[in-house]
Amino acid sequence: MTAPVPQRTTAAYYLQSVASFSLATVALALGIAYLPVSAWMRAFLAVGMIYLITSAFTLAKVIRDRQDEGAITSRVDQARLEKLLAEHDPFKVDGV
């Protein structure tokens, strides 16, 4: 039978990732807010920051989906191979 898929990340790693992302986002937002430029430039930088964040999430999702798809295909191929090996009888003689 198939072994269960192990969990890839720990709770501490997840918490560290969320904290790091939050800190970086807040720091960048504060940096843009206190930048000594006109409101239009700050707005442009803020829109750029939002675009960067959403594209990073999209890229992460696409990479995860591609990896999951490869794992599923690999498991299906492995199951087919196991079925063929289980059905194969090396001592069977054809025509007898």
Protein backbone atom coordinates (compact mmCIF):
# COMPACT_ATOMS: atom_id res chain seq x y z
CA MET A 1 0.00 0.00 0.00
CA THR A 2 0.97 3.63 -0.21
CA ALA A 3 2.64 5.39 2.69
CA PRO A 4 0.93 8.60 3.91
CA VAL A 5 2.39 11.82 2.59
CA PRO A 6 4.49 13.42 5.36
CA GLN A 7 3.79 17.01 6.37
CA ARG A 8 6.39 19.22 4.71
CA THR A 9 6.50 22.16 7.11
CA THR A 10 6.42 22.53 10.86
CA ALA A 11 4.28 25.00 12.78
CA ALA A 12 7.38 26.97 13.77
CA TYR A 13 8.47 27.31 10.12
CA TYR A 14 4.97 28.44 9.16
CA LEU A 15 4.90 31.02 11.97
CA GLN A 16 8.36 32.30 11.01
CA SER A 17 7.29 32.67 7.38
CA VAL A 18 4.11 34.56 8.27
CA ALA A 19 5.98 36.82 10.71
CA SER A 20 8.72 37.53 8.19
CA PHE A 21 6.24 38.34 5.44
CA SER A 22 4.21 40.58 7.75
CA LEU A 23 7.26 42.44 9.03
CA ALA A 24 8.61 43.02 5.52
CA THR A 25 5.23 44.26 4.28
CA VAL A 26 4.73 46.63 7.22
CA ALA A 27 8.29 47.94 6.96
CA LEU A 28 7.90 48.63 3.24
CA ALA A 29 4.49 50.27 3.75
CA LEU A 30 5.90 52.53 6.48
CA GLY A 31 8.88 53.36 4.29
CA ILE A 32 6.58 54.39 1.46
CA ALA A 33 4.30 56.36 3.80
CA TYR A 34 7.17 58.41 5.26
CA LEU A 35 9.08 58.89 2.01
CA PRO A 36 9.62 62.62 1.38
CA VAL A 37 7.97 62.69 -2.06
CA SER A 38 4.60 63.75 -3.44
CA ALA A 39 1.42 61.77 -2.81
CA TRP A 40 1.35 60.56 -6.42
CA MET A 41 4.78 58.97 -6.09
CA ARG A 42 3.79 57.30 -2.82
CA ALA A 43 0.60 56.00 -4.42
CA PHE A 44 2.58 54.62 -7.36
CA LEU A 45 5.00 52.84 -5.02
CA ALA A 46 2.10 51.48 -2.94
CA VAL A 47 0.41 50.06 -6.05
CA GLY A 48 3.75 48.56 -7.06
CA MET A 49 4.08 46.96 -3.61
CA ILE A 50 0.57 45.46 -3.84
CA TYR A 51 1.29 44.16 -7.36
CA LEU A 52 4.55 42.60 -6.18
CA ILE A 53 2.85 40.87 -3.25
CA THR A 54 -0.01 39.47 -5.35
CA SER A 55 2.36 38.25 -8.07
CA ALA A 56 4.54 36.55 -5.43
CA PHE A 57 1.48 34.69 -4.08
CA THR A 58 0.48 33.70 -7.61
CA LEU A 59 3.98 32.44 -8.40
CA ALA A 60 4.07 30.41 -5.18
CA LYS A 61 0.69 28.85 -6.02
CA VAL A 62 1.75 27.96 -9.56
CA ILE A 63 4.96 26.34 -8.31
CA ARG A 64 3.03 24.39 -5.65
CA ASP A 65 0.41 23.24 -8.17
CA ARG A 66 3.08 22.08 -10.61
CA GLN A 67 4.87 20.15 -7.86
CA ASP A 68 1.59 18.56 -6.67
CA GLU A 69 0.72 17.60 -10.25
CA GLY A 70 4.09 15.89 -10.65
CA ALA A 71 3.63 14.02 -7.36
CA ILE A 72 0.16 12.80 -8.37
CA THR A 73 1.40 11.64 -11.77
CA SER A 74 4.28 9.84 -10.10
CA ARG A 75 1.91 8.09 -7.67
CA VAL A 76 -0.41 7.00 -10.51
CA ASP A 77 2.55 5.61 -12.46
CA GLN A 78 3.81 3.83 -9.35
CA ALA A 79 0.37 2.28 -8.75
CA ARG A 80 0.21 1.02 -12.36
CA LEU A 81 3.66 -0.50 -12.03
CA GLU A 82 2.74 -2.21 -8.76
CA LYS A 83 -0.41 -3.62 -10.36
CA LEU A 84 1.54 -4.99 -13.34
CA LEU A 85 4.13 -6.56 -11.05
CA ALA A 86 1.44 -8.10 -8.84
CA GLU A 87 -0.34 -9.63 -11.85
CA HIS A 88 2.84 -10.95 -13.45
CA ASP A 89 3.54 -14.66 -12.89
CA PRO A 90 7.07 -15.54 -13.99
CA PHE A 91 6.33 -19.27 -13.83
CA LYS A 92 3.27 -19.16 -16.10
CA VAL A 93 3.73 -21.01 -19.38
CA ASP A 94 1.77 -19.74 -22.37
CA GLY A 95 -0.21 -22.30 -24.40
CA VAL A 96 -0.34 -25.02 -21.76
